[in-house]
Amino acid sequence: MEISKGTLEDAWGRTAAGHALLHGVGLPQVVLSEEELDEWEGWDGAEGEGLALVLDEDGTVHGYHGAYRESFVTRDLEQVLYLIAEAAIRERGGSPAETAEALGRIDPLWGRRFRTGGLDGTGVVEACGRDPLEGFAWIADSWREQIPYTTLAFFRAEPGRTVDASQLALLYGADPGQVAAGTRLKDLRAGDGGRAHWDRQWDSFCFGQSGEWAFLLYHDTPPKARANRAAYDGLGVGEGVWLTATLGKAIYTFSYVKDGQSVNDDIGALELLAYDHGRSPYLRGGKLDFLNRALRRAELDHPELTNTYQLYFHALEESLGLGLPRREFAEGEVRAGYWTGK
């Protein structure tokens, strides 16, 4: 059935009347274009509050949280009703677990849908059973201070191949002698109490392998930065992830590239500060919905974690398999060096 303003009003009226938790919750503002949404004087979405709906002529419904943030697109009436209810329950406050419980009282399928983080209600709902700070999340707090490095870059090969971390470092401009010698972080710090390395640390980098991913950590943009595209392609890189911290501006971003294409639903790199617990940061059902799901699971599995960055890093570990060897960094055993010409 094609969705119209009338069908939305009727369907939401029946839904809200059917459960005490939704009594008094009105249908969000419905407009027929983004221009009309911008002109609506009652729209306070610029501050990120509330939900508004834009209805296309073909019955497609776009949900907006914030003036420029499209949170979902669907032609499924039942999904629209669920998303209105989810927004209403969330805006009353409470933890993600409390939101899940309330939605489950309205409809058990809605409770499961919230717990999985997706719109179809499928996916994992069991707890991961691990300490997130023993995984990738261990580095989240120090990374915010650009320690040990400003950029955490990860590269995964195409199926059936492995990215050689040493070759990757050389391609980006590593000193060939240091790579050949197996130089480690503790070697850079040795000799004078680490003073020389302190003076040069902005020109240093670390690299290695963690699971399926090769990692390359650095401050300044590497001198070659993939200047040799043919050699880069020869490494067989199929996916890349970049986490970049800019302490002075308090900007922290995530970007993901797969098969040469940015995976971002046309929103660019997401600033992690914009992530609000209990609200999916990416387009529902979009290209990054796998991360929406992982974040929801992280929130529910680890309510003790209130740190957005630790939750985000744990979700990246669970969804993409990212990680860094904590002991190697702590003991200075991680491979390291300085860029050539620095």
Protein backbone atom coordinates (compact mmCIF):
# COMPACT_ATOMS: atom_id res chain seq x y z
CA MET A 1 0.00 0.00 0.00
CA GLU A 2 1.37 3.40 -0.99
CA ILE A 3 1.85 5.64 2.02
CA SER A 4 0.01 8.95 2.08
CA LYS A 5 -0.40 11.58 4.76
CA GLY A 6 -3.85 10.20 5.47
CA THR A 7 -2.66 6.62 5.89
CA LEU A 8 0.09 7.82 8.23
CA GLU A 9 -2.39 9.74 10.37
CA ASP A 10 -4.84 6.83 10.56
CA ALA A 11 -2.20 4.16 11.20
CA TRP A 12 -0.39 6.15 13.87
CA GLY A 13 -3.67 7.10 15.54
CA ARG A 14 -4.56 3.41 15.92
CA THR A 15 -1.05 2.52 17.09
CA ALA A 16 -0.88 5.27 19.71
CA ALA A 17 -4.35 4.45 20.99
CA GLY A 18 -3.42 0.79 21.33
CA HIS A 19 -0.87 1.11 24.12
CA ALA A 20 -0.61 3.26 27.22
CA LEU A 21 3.07 4.02 26.58
CA LEU A 22 2.10 5.84 23.38
CA HIS A 23 -0.98 7.67 24.62
CA GLY A 24 -0.65 11.35 23.85
CA VAL A 25 2.17 10.86 21.35
CA GLY A 26 1.19 12.66 18.19
CA LEU A 27 2.28 12.00 14.66
CA PRO A 28 5.50 13.90 13.89
CA GLN A 29 5.30 16.80 11.50
CA VAL A 30 4.76 15.52 7.94
CA VAL A 31 5.83 17.71 5.02
CA LEU A 32 6.04 17.04 1.29
CA SER A 33 9.56 18.30 0.56
CA GLU A 34 12.84 19.19 2.22
CA GLU A 35 12.21 22.81 1.28
CA GLU A 36 8.92 22.73 3.20
CA LEU A 37 10.74 21.22 6.17
CA ASP A 38 13.29 24.06 6.12
CA GLU A 39 10.48 26.62 6.04
CA TRP A 40 8.47 25.06 8.87
CA GLU A 41 8.74 27.49 11.79
CA GLY A 42 8.08 24.79 14.37
CA TRP A 43 11.02 22.67 13.27
CA ASP A 44 13.60 22.57 16.04
CA GLY A 45 15.64 19.86 14.35
CA ALA A 46 18.63 22.16 14.02
CA GLU A 47 19.27 21.38 17.68
CA GLY A 48 18.87 17.66 17.00
CA GLU A 49 15.56 17.28 18.85
CA GLY A 50 12.46 15.52 17.61
CA LEU A 51 11.58 13.65 14.45
CA ALA A 52 10.10 15.05 11.25
CA LEU A 53 8.89 13.14 8.19
CA VAL A 54 9.24 14.11 4.54
CA LEU A 55 6.75 12.26 2.31
CA ASP A 56 7.56 11.86 -1.39
CA GLU A 57 4.90 11.61 -4.09
CA ASP A 58 5.60 7.89 -4.51
CA GLY A 59 4.97 7.17 -0.83
CA THR A 60 8.61 7.07 0.29
CA VAL A 61 9.05 8.40 3.82
CA HIS A 62 12.27 10.14 4.89
CA GLY A 63 12.89 10.59 8.61
CA TYR A 64 14.95 13.52 9.87
CA HIS A 65 16.60 14.02 13.25
CA GLY A 66 18.25 17.41 12.95
CA ALA A 67 18.03 19.85 10.09
CA TYR A 68 20.48 18.03 7.83
CA ARG A 69 20.49 14.48 9.16
CA GLU A 70 18.40 11.94 7.29
CA SER A 71 18.02 8.98 9.63
CA PHE A 72 15.90 6.61 7.55
CA VAL A 73 14.21 6.10 4.18
CA THR A 74 11.45 3.53 3.77
CA ARG A 75 8.22 2.72 1.94
CA ASP A 76 7.18 0.21 4.61
CA LEU A 77 4.36 1.60 6.78
CA GLU A 78 5.07 -0.76 9.67
CA GLN A 79 8.70 0.39 9.76
CA VAL A 80 7.58 4.03 9.87
CA LEU A 81 5.29 3.29 12.83
CA TYR A 82 8.10 1.53 14.66
CA LEU A 83 10.55 4.37 14.04
CA ILE A 84 8.06 6.97 15.30
CA ALA A 85 7.55 4.91 18.46
CA GLU A 86 11.29 4.40 18.91
CA ALA A 87 11.93 8.14 18.65
CA ALA A 88 9.13 8.93 21.10
CA ILE A 89 10.36 6.44 23.71
CA ARG A 90 13.98 7.53 23.32
CA GLU A 91 13.15 11.19 23.81
CA ARG A 92 11.74 10.44 27.25
CA GLY A 93 15.25 9.62 28.41
CA GLY A 94 16.49 6.40 29.90
CA SER A 95 19.13 3.91 28.89
CA PRO A 96 19.12 1.84 25.69
CA ALA A 97 18.11 -1.16 27.81
CA GLU A 98 15.11 0.76 29.18
CA THR A 99 14.15 1.83 25.67
CA ALA A 100 14.32 -1.79 24.49
CA GLU A 101 12.17 -2.92 27.41
CA ALA A 102 9.53 -0.26 26.75
CA LEU A 103 9.34 -1.04 23.04
CA GLY A 104 9.06 -4.74 23.88
CA ARG A 105 6.04 -4.00 26.06
CA ILE A 106 4.38 -2.34 23.07
CA ASP A 107 5.32 -5.18 20.72
CA PRO A 108 7.83 -7.97 21.44
CA LEU A 109 9.05 -7.75 17.84
CA TRP A 110 9.73 -4.05 18.32
CA GLY A 111 11.79 -4.79 21.42
CA ARG A 112 13.88 -7.31 19.51
CA ARG A 113 14.24 -4.91 16.60
CA PHE A 114 15.67 -2.24 18.88
CA ARG A 115 18.04 -4.73 20.51
CA THR A 116 19.45 -5.87 17.17
CA GLY A 117 19.87 -2.29 15.95
CA GLY A 118 18.45 -3.11 12.51
CA LEU A 119 15.06 -2.53 10.94
CA ASP A 120 14.32 -6.16 10.10
CA GLY A 121 14.71 -7.52 13.63
CA THR A 122 17.27 -10.10 12.56
CA GLY A 123 20.76 -10.37 13.95
CA VAL A 124 22.57 -11.17 17.16
CA VAL A 125 20.94 -10.32 20.48
CA GLU A 126 23.21 -12.40 22.73
CA ALA A 127 25.90 -10.61 24.74
CA CYS A 128 29.45 -10.86 23.38
CA GLY A 129 30.73 -12.00 26.79
CA ARG A 130 34.07 -10.18 26.52
CA ASP A 131 35.69 -7.22 28.24
CA PRO A 132 35.78 -4.52 25.53
CA LEU A 133 38.81 -2.86 27.14
CA GLU A 134 40.76 -6.05 26.49
CA GLY A 135 40.04 -5.57 22.79
CA PHE A 136 40.31 -2.64 20.40
CA ALA A 137 38.67 -0.24 22.87
CA TRP A 138 41.86 -0.15 24.96
CA ILE A 139 43.32 2.56 22.73
CA ALA A 140 40.22 4.76 22.40
CA ASP A 141 40.93 7.22 25.22
CA SER A 142 44.61 7.82 24.46
CA TRP A 143 43.84 8.17 20.73
CA ARG A 144 41.58 11.11 21.57
CA GLU A 145 44.74 12.81 22.86
CA GLN A 146 46.55 11.79 19.64
CA ILE A 147 48.50 9.17 21.61
CA PRO A 148 50.17 7.10 20.33
CA TYR A 149 49.23 8.55 16.93
CA THR A 150 46.80 10.91 15.25
CA THR A 151 45.65 8.50 12.54
CA LEU A 152 44.90 4.81 12.95
CA ALA A 153 44.74 3.32 9.44
CA PHE A 154 43.79 -0.27 8.65
CA PHE A 155 43.97 -2.20 5.38
CA ARG A 156 42.39 -5.56 4.56
CA ALA A 157 43.11 -7.55 1.43
CA GLU A 158 40.76 -8.86 -1.17
CA PRO A 159 39.52 -12.42 -0.48
CA GLY A 160 42.32 -14.97 -0.70
CA ARG A 161 45.11 -12.42 -0.19
CA THR A 162 46.95 -10.75 2.70
CA VAL A 163 48.25 -7.18 2.86
CA ASP A 164 51.98 -7.19 3.66
CA ALA A 165 52.34 -4.56 6.41
CA SER A 166 56.05 -4.02 5.68
CA GLN A 167 55.41 -3.39 1.99
CA LEU A 168 52.56 -1.08 2.91
CA ALA A 169 54.84 0.97 5.19
CA LEU A 170 57.50 1.19 2.47
CA LEU A 171 54.92 2.33 -0.04
CA TYR A 172 53.89 5.15 2.27
CA GLY A 173 57.51 6.29 2.71
CA ALA A 174 59.09 4.22 5.48
CA ASP A 175 62.88 4.12 5.77
CA PRO A 176 63.85 0.89 3.94
CA GLY A 177 66.82 0.33 6.26
CA GLN A 178 64.67 0.43 9.37
CA VAL A 179 62.09 -1.87 7.84
CA ALA A 180 64.79 -4.36 6.81
CA ALA A 181 66.38 -4.19 10.27
CA GLY A 182 63.09 -4.92 12.01
CA THR A 183 63.23 -1.68 14.01
CA ARG A 184 60.75 -1.55 16.87
CA LEU A 185 59.25 1.27 18.92
CA LYS A 186 61.57 0.53 21.85
CA ASP A 187 64.55 0.96 19.51
CA LEU A 188 63.41 4.47 18.57
CA ARG A 189 63.15 5.35 22.26
CA ALA A 190 66.50 3.84 23.27
CA GLY A 191 69.84 5.56 23.82
CA ASP A 192 69.18 8.92 25.47
CA GLY A 193 66.13 8.34 27.58
CA GLY A 194 63.89 8.83 24.56
CA ARG A 195 64.73 12.53 24.06
CA ALA A 196 65.71 12.14 20.41
CA HIS A 197 62.52 10.24 19.67
CA TRP A 198 60.50 12.87 21.51
CA ASP A 199 61.86 15.46 19.09
CA ARG A 200 61.09 13.27 16.06
CA GLN A 201 57.97 11.42 17.12
CA TRP A 202 55.76 13.48 14.78
CA ASP A 203 57.75 11.96 11.89
CA SER A 204 57.46 8.41 13.22
CA PHE A 205 54.98 5.63 12.57
CA CYS A 206 54.10 2.12 13.69
CA PHE A 207 52.89 -0.78 11.59
CA GLY A 208 51.99 -4.42 11.85
CA GLN A 209 49.28 -7.03 11.51
CA SER A 210 46.22 -7.65 13.66
CA GLY A 211 43.93 -10.41 12.51
CA GLU A 212 42.99 -9.87 8.86
CA TRP A 213 44.07 -6.23 8.92
CA ALA A 214 47.43 -4.57 8.37
CA PHE A 215 47.71 -1.37 10.40
CA LEU A 216 49.70 1.82 9.89
CA LEU A 217 49.67 4.48 12.61
CA TYR A 218 51.08 7.97 12.08
CA HIS A 219 50.76 11.70 12.81
CA ASP A 220 51.51 13.78 9.71
CA THR A 221 50.38 12.61 6.30
CA PRO A 222 53.04 10.13 5.10
CA PRO A 223 55.43 11.62 2.53
CA LYS A 224 54.39 9.29 -0.29
CA ALA A 225 50.79 8.64 0.79
CA ARG A 226 50.01 6.14 -1.95
CA ALA A 227 51.84 8.10 -4.64
CA ASN A 228 52.46 4.85 -6.52
CA ARG A 229 48.90 3.74 -7.21
CA ALA A 230 49.95 0.69 -9.21
CA ALA A 231 52.10 -0.59 -6.36
CA TYR A 232 49.29 0.06 -3.90
CA ASP A 233 46.87 -1.91 -6.06
CA GLY A 234 49.46 -4.66 -6.22
CA LEU A 235 49.17 -5.13 -2.47
CA GLY A 236 45.63 -6.36 -3.02
CA VAL A 237 43.98 -3.88 -0.65
CA GLY A 238 40.22 -4.33 -0.72
CA GLU A 239 39.16 -2.29 2.32
CA GLY A 240 40.53 0.61 4.32
CA VAL A 241 39.50 2.24 7.59
CA TRP A 242 40.83 5.55 8.91
CA LEU A 243 40.26 6.91 12.42
CA THR A 244 41.65 10.43 12.78
CA ALA A 245 41.88 12.58 15.91
CA THR A 246 42.36 16.35 15.90
CA LEU A 247 42.74 17.25 19.56
CA GLY A 248 42.98 21.02 19.11
CA LYS A 249 39.59 21.15 17.37
CA ALA A 250 38.08 18.18 19.24
CA ILE A 251 37.26 16.52 15.92
CA TYR A 252 37.33 12.72 15.72
CA THR A 253 36.36 11.01 12.49
CA PHE A 254 35.82 7.59 10.98
CA SER A 255 35.92 6.76 7.27
CA TYR A 256 35.62 3.43 5.48
CA VAL A 257 36.52 2.56 1.89
CA LYS A 258 35.70 -0.75 0.21
CA ASP A 259 36.58 -1.73 -3.35
CA GLY A 260 37.71 1.83 -4.02
CA GLN A 261 34.39 3.38 -2.97
CA SER A 262 33.64 5.37 0.17
CA VAL A 263 31.07 3.57 2.31
CA ASN A 264 29.26 6.51 3.85
CA ASP A 265 25.73 6.94 2.40
CA ASP A 266 26.93 10.27 0.97
CA ILE A 267 27.43 11.88 4.39
CA GLY A 268 31.24 11.95 4.38
CA ALA A 269 33.33 11.11 7.42
CA LEU A 270 31.29 10.92 10.59
CA GLU A 271 32.41 13.00 13.56
CA LEU A 272 32.26 10.62 16.49
CA LEU A 273 31.15 13.41 18.81
CA ALA A 274 27.84 13.40 16.93
CA TYR A 275 27.06 9.87 18.10
CA ASP A 276 24.21 9.90 20.63
CA HIS A 277 23.68 6.74 22.70
CA GLY A 278 20.55 4.86 21.72
CA ARG A 279 20.21 6.63 18.38
CA SER A 280 21.70 5.00 15.31
CA PRO A 281 24.35 7.36 13.91
CA TYR A 282 24.09 6.11 10.33
CA LEU A 283 21.22 5.83 7.87
CA ARG A 284 18.96 2.98 8.96
CA GLY A 285 19.20 0.19 6.42
CA GLY A 286 22.04 2.02 4.65
CA LYS A 287 25.56 0.97 3.74
CA LEU A 288 26.82 1.46 7.29
CA ASP A 289 23.90 -0.23 9.00
CA PHE A 290 26.26 -3.00 10.11
CA LEU A 291 27.83 -0.41 12.40
CA ASN A 292 24.44 0.74 13.70
CA ARG A 293 23.81 -2.85 14.74
CA ALA A 294 27.22 -3.28 16.35
CA LEU A 295 26.87 -0.04 18.32
CA ARG A 296 23.47 -1.05 19.64
CA ARG A 297 24.86 -4.38 20.77
CA ALA A 298 27.82 -2.62 22.41
CA GLU A 299 25.46 -0.29 24.29
CA LEU A 300 23.31 -3.14 25.56
CA ASP A 301 26.13 -5.61 26.25
CA HIS A 302 28.27 -3.08 28.13
CA PRO A 303 26.11 -0.56 30.02
CA GLU A 304 29.14 0.10 32.24
CA LEU A 305 30.78 1.85 29.28
CA THR A 306 29.54 5.42 29.02
CA ASN A 307 32.53 6.53 26.96
CA THR A 308 31.34 7.04 23.38
CA TYR A 309 34.76 6.31 21.91
CA GLN A 310 35.22 3.04 23.76
CA LEU A 311 31.77 1.90 22.61
CA TYR A 312 32.55 2.94 19.06
CA PHE A 313 35.89 1.11 19.00
CA HIS A 314 34.31 -2.02 20.47
CA ALA A 315 31.64 -1.87 17.75
CA LEU A 316 34.34 -1.56 15.09
CA GLU A 317 36.05 -4.62 16.52
CA GLU A 318 32.82 -6.62 16.55
CA SER A 319 31.67 -5.58 13.07
CA LEU A 320 34.91 -5.27 11.08
CA GLY A 321 37.41 -7.14 13.21
CA LEU A 322 39.68 -4.15 13.88
CA GLY A 323 42.25 -4.46 16.63
CA LEU A 324 45.69 -3.43 17.83
CA PRO A 325 48.17 -5.54 19.87
CA ARG A 326 48.08 -3.89 23.29
CA ARG A 327 51.04 -5.77 24.75
CA GLU A 328 53.29 -4.98 21.78
CA PHE A 329 52.58 -1.28 22.22
CA ALA A 330 53.02 -1.40 25.99
CA GLU A 331 56.36 -3.22 25.71
CA GLY A 332 57.59 -1.27 22.69
CA GLU A 333 57.71 -4.40 20.53
CA VAL A 334 55.52 -3.03 17.74
CA ARG A 335 57.36 -2.39 14.45
CA ALA A 336 58.19 1.29 13.99
CA GLY A 337 60.35 3.76 12.12
CA TYR A 338 60.69 7.26 10.70
CA TRP A 339 59.55 8.46 7.30
CA THR A 340 62.33 8.93 4.76
CA GLY A 341 63.44 12.51 4.30
CA LYS A 342 62.26 13.49 7.77
